[in-house]
Amino acid sequence: MSFITQVFTLAVFAVFVNNFVLSKFLGLCPYIGVSKKIDSALGMGMAVIFVMTMASTFTWLIQEYLLLPYHLEYLQTIAFILTIASLVQFVEMVIQKTAPALYKSLGVFLPLITTNCAVLGVSILNIQEGYNFLGAILNGLFSGTGFTLVLLLMAGLRERLEKSEVPEAMKGMPIAFVIAGCMALAFLGFSGLNF
């Protein structure tokens, strides 16, 4: 299998088949909380792509060159969370300086990337699946892209629902959960893909 085919397969699996939000149900807090407006969803998605890619890079290096050689594998979760928290602080400072409006619209959800289980999940999955360095980086990038895709889809649907006639009992969160379930079922159709 050629390198391009491997990258394409990894991209399809990370974005569609094994989407962290819709197949593993990780990262649901920002998925539901930030998906009211497309602008804030896009900003959050870009931040998550950056953090997932960088977290995958640094956590793979920490695992291979610090934890494994010194037999400190039991510190994996703590080391990974500290790495992710540092990256999120960096992203938060950059967004606050470069895009104050986006920083305000993301509010509390930006620091919550630290505790976003999808970011920690992709870092741990990279180790469990035995990805090499480049594979870990690409898996982080494509997983963040999949997160951003479903976040934007949800935001677009919720913006459209604001202008639609929805029964009073279904307005707000109830209809958001129905949409999330329908999206998860739709993405389940990708699980039959074979390469």
C-alpha atoms as a PDB file:
ATOM      1  CA  MET A   1       0.000   0.000   0.000  1.00  0.00           C
ATOM      2  CA  SER A   2       1.446   3.353  -1.003  1.00  0.00           C
ATOM      3  CA  PHE A   3       2.005   6.187   1.430  1.00  0.00           C
ATOM      4  CA  ILE A   4      -0.750   8.345  -0.128  1.00  0.00           C
ATOM      5  CA  THR A   5      -3.227   5.470   0.142  1.00  0.00           C
ATOM      6  CA  GLN A   6      -2.326   4.952   3.794  1.00  0.00           C
ATOM      7  CA  VAL A   7      -2.797   8.665   4.544  1.00  0.00           C
ATOM      8  CA  PHE A   8      -6.125   8.715   2.683  1.00  0.00           C
ATOM      9  CA  THR A   9      -7.319   5.617   4.564  1.00  0.00           C
ATOM     10  CA  LEU A  10      -6.288   7.115   7.900  1.00  0.00           C
ATOM     11  CA  ALA A  11      -8.091  10.357   7.002  1.00  0.00           C
ATOM     12  CA  VAL A  12     -11.337   8.614   6.047  1.00  0.00           C
ATOM     13  CA  PHE A  13     -11.288   6.442   9.141  1.00  0.00           C
ATOM     14  CA  ALA A  14     -10.489   9.305  11.530  1.00  0.00           C
ATOM     15  CA  VAL A  15     -12.979  11.779  10.026  1.00  0.00           C
ATOM     16  CA  PHE A  16     -15.911   9.542   9.141  1.00  0.00           C
ATOM     17  CA  VAL A  17     -15.676   5.966  10.462  1.00  0.00           C
ATOM     18  CA  ASN A  18     -14.097   6.483  13.894  1.00  0.00           C
ATOM     19  CA  ASN A  19     -15.247  10.045  14.508  1.00  0.00           C
ATOM     20  CA  PHE A  20     -14.597  10.756  18.175  1.00  0.00           C
ATOM     21  CA  VAL A  21     -17.869  12.595  18.716  1.00  0.00           C
ATOM     22  CA  LEU A  22     -20.303  10.371  16.839  1.00  0.00           C
ATOM     23  CA  SER A  23     -18.800   6.902  17.218  1.00  0.00           C
ATOM     24  CA  LYS A  24     -16.897   7.073  20.508  1.00  0.00           C
ATOM     25  CA  PHE A  25     -19.031   9.824  22.101  1.00  0.00           C
ATOM     26  CA  LEU A  26     -16.009  11.782  23.289  1.00  0.00           C
ATOM     27  CA  GLY A  27     -15.967  15.572  23.320  1.00  0.00           C
ATOM     28  CA  LEU A  28     -19.718  15.993  23.689  1.00  0.00           C
ATOM     29  CA  CYS A  29     -19.503  19.045  25.975  1.00  0.00           C
ATOM     30  CA  PRO A  30     -18.093  21.417  23.330  1.00  0.00           C
ATOM     31  CA  TYR A  31     -20.065  19.599  20.631  1.00  0.00           C
ATOM     32  CA  ILE A  32     -23.366  20.588  22.233  1.00  0.00           C
ATOM     33  CA  GLY A  33     -22.208  23.780  23.960  1.00  0.00           C
ATOM     34  CA  VAL A  34     -20.397  25.600  21.153  1.00  0.00           C
ATOM     35  CA  SER A  35     -22.570  24.502  18.248  1.00  0.00           C
ATOM     36  CA  LYS A  36     -25.079  27.359  18.410  1.00  0.00           C
ATOM     37  CA  LYS A  37     -23.284  29.624  15.920  1.00  0.00           C
ATOM     38  CA  ILE A  38     -21.124  28.653  12.954  1.00  0.00           C
ATOM     39  CA  ASP A  39     -18.476  31.305  13.726  1.00  0.00           C
ATOM     40  CA  SER A  40     -17.814  30.056  17.244  1.00  0.00           C
ATOM     41  CA  ALA A  41     -18.002  26.429  16.077  1.00  0.00           C
ATOM     42  CA  LEU A  42     -15.357  27.101  13.425  1.00  0.00           C
ATOM     43  CA  GLY A  43     -13.115  28.874  15.943  1.00  0.00           C
ATOM     44  CA  MET A  44     -13.461  26.026  18.424  1.00  0.00           C
ATOM     45  CA  GLY A  45     -12.845  23.492  15.675  1.00  0.00           C
ATOM     46  CA  MET A  46      -9.641  25.198  14.564  1.00  0.00           C
ATOM     47  CA  ALA A  47      -8.442  25.343  18.170  1.00  0.00           C
ATOM     48  CA  VAL A  48      -9.215  21.638  18.651  1.00  0.00           C
ATOM     49  CA  ILE A  49      -7.433  20.699  15.407  1.00  0.00           C
ATOM     50  CA  PHE A  50      -4.332  22.564  16.568  1.00  0.00           C
ATOM     51  CA  VAL A  51      -4.440  21.139  20.096  1.00  0.00           C
ATOM     52  CA  MET A  52      -5.121  17.564  18.910  1.00  0.00           C
ATOM     53  CA  THR A  53      -2.284  17.695  16.385  1.00  0.00           C
ATOM     54  CA  MET A  54       0.200  19.205  18.821  1.00  0.00           C
ATOM     55  CA  ALA A  55      -0.951  16.947  21.671  1.00  0.00           C
ATOM     56  CA  SER A  56      -0.504  13.899  19.446  1.00  0.00           C
ATOM     57  CA  THR A  57       2.993  15.076  18.567  1.00  0.00           C
ATOM     58  CA  PHE A  58       4.177  15.851  22.080  1.00  0.00           C
ATOM     59  CA  THR A  59       2.480  12.945  23.840  1.00  0.00           C
ATOM     60  CA  TRP A  60       3.988  10.463  21.362  1.00  0.00           C
ATOM     61  CA  LEU A  61       7.431  11.946  22.013  1.00  0.00           C
ATOM     62  CA  ILE A  62       6.895  11.896  25.780  1.00  0.00           C
ATOM     63  CA  GLN A  63       5.734   8.280  25.654  1.00  0.00           C
ATOM     64  CA  GLU A  64       8.611   7.085  23.446  1.00  0.00           C
ATOM     65  CA  TYR A  65      11.500   9.071  24.910  1.00  0.00           C
ATOM     66  CA  LEU A  66      10.543   9.623  28.538  1.00  0.00           C
ATOM     67  CA  LEU A  67       7.929   7.214  29.843  1.00  0.00           C
ATOM     68  CA  LEU A  68       8.978   3.983  28.107  1.00  0.00           C
ATOM     69  CA  PRO A  69      12.783   4.235  28.587  1.00  0.00           C
ATOM     70  CA  TYR A  70      12.411   4.997  32.296  1.00  0.00           C
ATOM     71  CA  HIS A  71       9.524   2.535  32.842  1.00  0.00           C
ATOM     72  CA  LEU A  72       7.137   5.312  33.877  1.00  0.00           C
ATOM     73  CA  GLU A  73       4.159   4.142  31.800  1.00  0.00           C
ATOM     74  CA  TYR A  74       1.900   4.444  34.846  1.00  0.00           C
ATOM     75  CA  LEU A  75       2.324   8.246  34.636  1.00  0.00           C
ATOM     76  CA  GLN A  76       0.949   8.342  31.083  1.00  0.00           C
ATOM     77  CA  THR A  77      -2.415   9.940  31.872  1.00  0.00           C
ATOM     78  CA  ILE A  78      -0.930  12.598  34.144  1.00  0.00           C
ATOM     79  CA  ALA A  79       1.843  13.450  31.662  1.00  0.00           C
ATOM     80  CA  PHE A  80      -0.628  13.644  28.783  1.00  0.00           C
ATOM     81  CA  ILE A  81      -3.077  15.871  30.669  1.00  0.00           C
ATOM     82  CA  LEU A  82      -0.279  18.258  31.684  1.00  0.00           C
ATOM     83  CA  THR A  83       0.892  18.422  28.067  1.00  0.00           C
ATOM     84  CA  ILE A  84      -2.633  19.105  26.796  1.00  0.00           C
ATOM     85  CA  ALA A  85      -3.222  21.759  29.476  1.00  0.00           C
ATOM     86  CA  SER A  86      -0.034  23.559  28.468  1.00  0.00           C
ATOM     87  CA  LEU A  87      -1.043  23.535  24.798  1.00  0.00           C
ATOM     88  CA  VAL A  88      -4.523  24.839  25.596  1.00  0.00           C
ATOM     89  CA  GLN A  89      -3.051  27.690  27.636  1.00  0.00           C
ATOM     90  CA  PHE A  90      -0.909  28.602  24.652  1.00  0.00           C
ATOM     91  CA  VAL A  91      -3.903  28.496  22.272  1.00  0.00           C
ATOM     92  CA  GLU A  92      -5.997  30.545  24.706  1.00  0.00           C
ATOM     93  CA  MET A  93      -3.346  33.266  24.912  1.00  0.00           C
ATOM     94  CA  VAL A  94      -2.968  33.397  21.122  1.00  0.00           C
ATOM     95  CA  ILE A  95      -6.729  33.616  20.512  1.00  0.00           C
ATOM     96  CA  GLN A  96      -7.123  36.254  23.218  1.00  0.00           C
ATOM     97  CA  LYS A  97      -4.458  38.429  21.576  1.00  0.00           C
ATOM     98  CA  THR A  98      -5.354  37.853  17.923  1.00  0.00           C
ATOM     99  CA  ALA A  99      -9.162  37.443  17.960  1.00  0.00           C
ATOM    100  CA  PRO A 100     -10.792  38.939  21.072  1.00  0.00           C
ATOM    101  CA  ALA A 101     -14.313  38.545  19.641  1.00  0.00           C
ATOM    102  CA  LEU A 102     -13.763  34.828  19.083  1.00  0.00           C
ATOM    103  CA  TYR A 103     -12.236  34.550  22.553  1.00  0.00           C
ATOM    104  CA  LYS A 104     -15.400  36.085  24.042  1.00  0.00           C
ATOM    105  CA  SER A 105     -17.749  33.917  21.970  1.00  0.00           C
ATOM    106  CA  LEU A 106     -15.960  30.708  22.982  1.00  0.00           C
ATOM    107  CA  GLY A 107     -16.098  31.726  26.630  1.00  0.00           C
ATOM    108  CA  VAL A 108     -15.644  28.881  29.069  1.00  0.00           C
ATOM    109  CA  PHE A 109     -15.468  26.245  26.329  1.00  0.00           C
ATOM    110  CA  LEU A 110     -11.944  27.218  25.278  1.00  0.00           C
ATOM    111  CA  PRO A 111     -10.323  26.239  28.599  1.00  0.00           C
ATOM    112  CA  LEU A 112     -12.515  23.132  28.558  1.00  0.00           C
ATOM    113  CA  ILE A 113     -10.425  21.793  25.675  1.00  0.00           C
ATOM    114  CA  THR A 114      -8.016  20.819  28.461  1.00  0.00           C
ATOM    115  CA  THR A 115     -10.561  18.384  29.832  1.00  0.00           C
ATOM    116  CA  ASN A 116     -11.964  17.464  26.418  1.00  0.00           C
ATOM    117  CA  CYS A 117     -11.768  13.712  26.534  1.00  0.00           C
ATOM    118  CA  ALA A 118     -11.450  13.563  22.726  1.00  0.00           C
ATOM    119  CA  VAL A 119      -8.026  15.230  22.896  1.00  0.00           C
ATOM    120  CA  LEU A 120      -6.823  12.843  25.586  1.00  0.00           C
ATOM    121  CA  GLY A 121      -8.527   9.973  23.762  1.00  0.00           C
ATOM    122  CA  VAL A 122      -6.656  10.574  20.508  1.00  0.00           C
ATOM    123  CA  SER A 123      -3.346  10.821  22.389  1.00  0.00           C
ATOM    124  CA  ILE A 124      -3.920   7.515  24.154  1.00  0.00           C
ATOM    125  CA  LEU A 125      -5.276   5.860  20.996  1.00  0.00           C
ATOM    126  CA  ASN A 126      -2.099   6.797  19.124  1.00  0.00           C
ATOM    127  CA  ILE A 127      -0.106   4.804  21.675  1.00  0.00           C
ATOM    128  CA  GLN A 128      -2.524   1.858  21.837  1.00  0.00           C
ATOM    129  CA  GLU A 129      -2.779   1.532  18.054  1.00  0.00           C
ATOM    130  CA  GLY A 130       1.011   1.615  17.752  1.00  0.00           C
ATOM    131  CA  TYR A 131       1.190   4.544  15.352  1.00  0.00           C
ATOM    132  CA  ASN A 132       4.617   5.784  14.419  1.00  0.00           C
ATOM    133  CA  PHE A 133       5.485   9.469  14.857  1.00  0.00           C
ATOM    134  CA  LEU A 134       4.025  10.627  11.545  1.00  0.00           C
ATOM    135  CA  GLY A 135       0.972   8.392  11.959  1.00  0.00           C
ATOM    136  CA  ALA A 136       0.282   9.884  15.392  1.00  0.00           C
ATOM    137  CA  ILE A 137       0.507  13.432  14.030  1.00  0.00           C
ATOM    138  CA  LEU A 138      -1.769  12.638  11.077  1.00  0.00           C
ATOM    139  CA  ASN A 139      -4.268  10.818  13.286  1.00  0.00           C
ATOM    140  CA  GLY A 140      -4.412  13.862  15.560  1.00  0.00           C
ATOM    141  CA  LEU A 141      -4.880  16.184  12.588  1.00  0.00           C
ATOM    142  CA  PHE A 142      -7.596  14.085  10.951  1.00  0.00           C
ATOM    143  CA  SER A 143      -9.392  13.399  14.241  1.00  0.00           C
ATOM    144  CA  GLY A 144      -9.500  17.150  14.901  1.00  0.00           C
ATOM    145  CA  THR A 145     -10.812  17.649  11.369  1.00  0.00           C
ATOM    146  CA  GLY A 146     -13.571  15.123  12.039  1.00  0.00           C
ATOM    147  CA  PHE A 147     -14.437  16.918  15.279  1.00  0.00           C
ATOM    148  CA  THR A 148     -14.597  20.227  13.414  1.00  0.00           C
ATOM    149  CA  LEU A 149     -16.744  18.731  10.656  1.00  0.00           C
ATOM    150  CA  VAL A 150     -19.435  17.471  13.020  1.00  0.00           C
ATOM    151  CA  LEU A 151     -19.258  20.686  15.056  1.00  0.00           C
ATOM    152  CA  LEU A 152     -19.888  22.768  11.923  1.00  0.00           C
ATOM    153  CA  LEU A 153     -22.668  20.447  10.737  1.00  0.00           C
ATOM    154  CA  MET A 154     -24.375  20.694  14.111  1.00  0.00           C
ATOM    155  CA  ALA A 155     -23.970  24.492  14.220  1.00  0.00           C
ATOM    156  CA  GLY A 156     -25.445  24.850  10.733  1.00  0.00           C
ATOM    157  CA  LEU A 157     -28.424  22.686  11.616  1.00  0.00           C
ATOM    158  CA  ARG A 158     -29.024  24.511  14.897  1.00  0.00           C
ATOM    159  CA  GLU A 159     -28.849  27.925  13.206  1.00  0.00           C
ATOM    160  CA  ARG A 160     -31.363  26.728  10.655  1.00  0.00           C
ATOM    161  CA  LEU A 161     -33.645  25.388  13.388  1.00  0.00           C
ATOM    162  CA  GLU A 162     -33.696  28.810  15.054  1.00  0.00           C
ATOM    163  CA  LYS A 163     -35.661  30.049  12.037  1.00  0.00           C
ATOM    164  CA  SER A 164     -37.867  26.965  11.735  1.00  0.00           C
ATOM    165  CA  GLU A 165     -41.108  26.128  13.442  1.00  0.00           C
ATOM    166  CA  VAL A 166     -40.197  23.681  16.154  1.00  0.00           C
ATOM    167  CA  PRO A 167     -42.714  22.529  18.778  1.00  0.00           C
ATOM    168  CA  GLU A 168     -42.258  24.454  22.019  1.00  0.00           C
ATOM    169  CA  ALA A 169     -41.331  21.324  23.972  1.00  0.00           C
ATOM    170  CA  MET A 170     -38.543  20.495  21.497  1.00  0.00           C
ATOM    171  CA  LYS A 171     -36.852  23.927  21.343  1.00  0.00           C
ATOM    172  CA  GLY A 172     -33.271  24.208  22.509  1.00  0.00           C
ATOM    173  CA  MET A 173     -31.518  21.155  23.886  1.00  0.00           C
ATOM    174  CA  PRO A 174     -34.156  18.491  23.096  1.00  0.00           C
ATOM    175  CA  ILE A 175     -33.975  19.092  19.359  1.00  0.00           C
ATOM    176  CA  ALA A 176     -30.163  19.351  19.575  1.00  0.00           C
ATOM    177  CA  PHE A 177     -30.023  15.882  21.107  1.00  0.00           C
ATOM    178  CA  VAL A 178     -32.365  14.488  18.444  1.00  0.00           C
ATOM    179  CA  ILE A 179     -30.118  15.967  15.738  1.00  0.00           C
ATOM    180  CA  ALA A 180     -27.014  14.565  17.441  1.00  0.00           C
ATOM    181  CA  GLY A 181     -28.577  11.111  17.477  1.00  0.00           C
ATOM    182  CA  CYS A 182     -29.549  11.345  13.805  1.00  0.00           C
ATOM    183  CA  MET A 183     -26.035  12.483  12.891  1.00  0.00           C
ATOM    184  CA  ALA A 184     -24.542   9.559  14.826  1.00  0.00           C
ATOM    185  CA  LEU A 185     -26.816   7.177  12.912  1.00  0.00           C
ATOM    186  CA  ALA A 186     -25.848   8.785   9.612  1.00  0.00           C
ATOM    187  CA  PHE A 187     -22.127   8.473  10.375  1.00  0.00           C
ATOM    188  CA  LEU A 188     -22.696   4.850  11.428  1.00  0.00           C
ATOM    189  CA  GLY A 189     -23.258   4.158   7.738  1.00  0.00           C
ATOM    190  CA  PHE A 190     -19.549   4.819   7.142  1.00  0.00           C
ATOM    191  CA  SER A 191     -18.553   1.946   9.433  1.00  0.00           C
ATOM    192  CA  GLY A 192     -19.107  -0.549   6.611  1.00  0.00           C
ATOM    193  CA  LEU A 193     -16.315   0.971   4.498  1.00  0.00           C
ATOM    194  CA  ASN A 194     -13.521  -1.448   3.654  1.00  0.00           C
ATOM    195  CA  PHE A 195     -10.179  -0.458   2.152  1.00  0.00           C
END
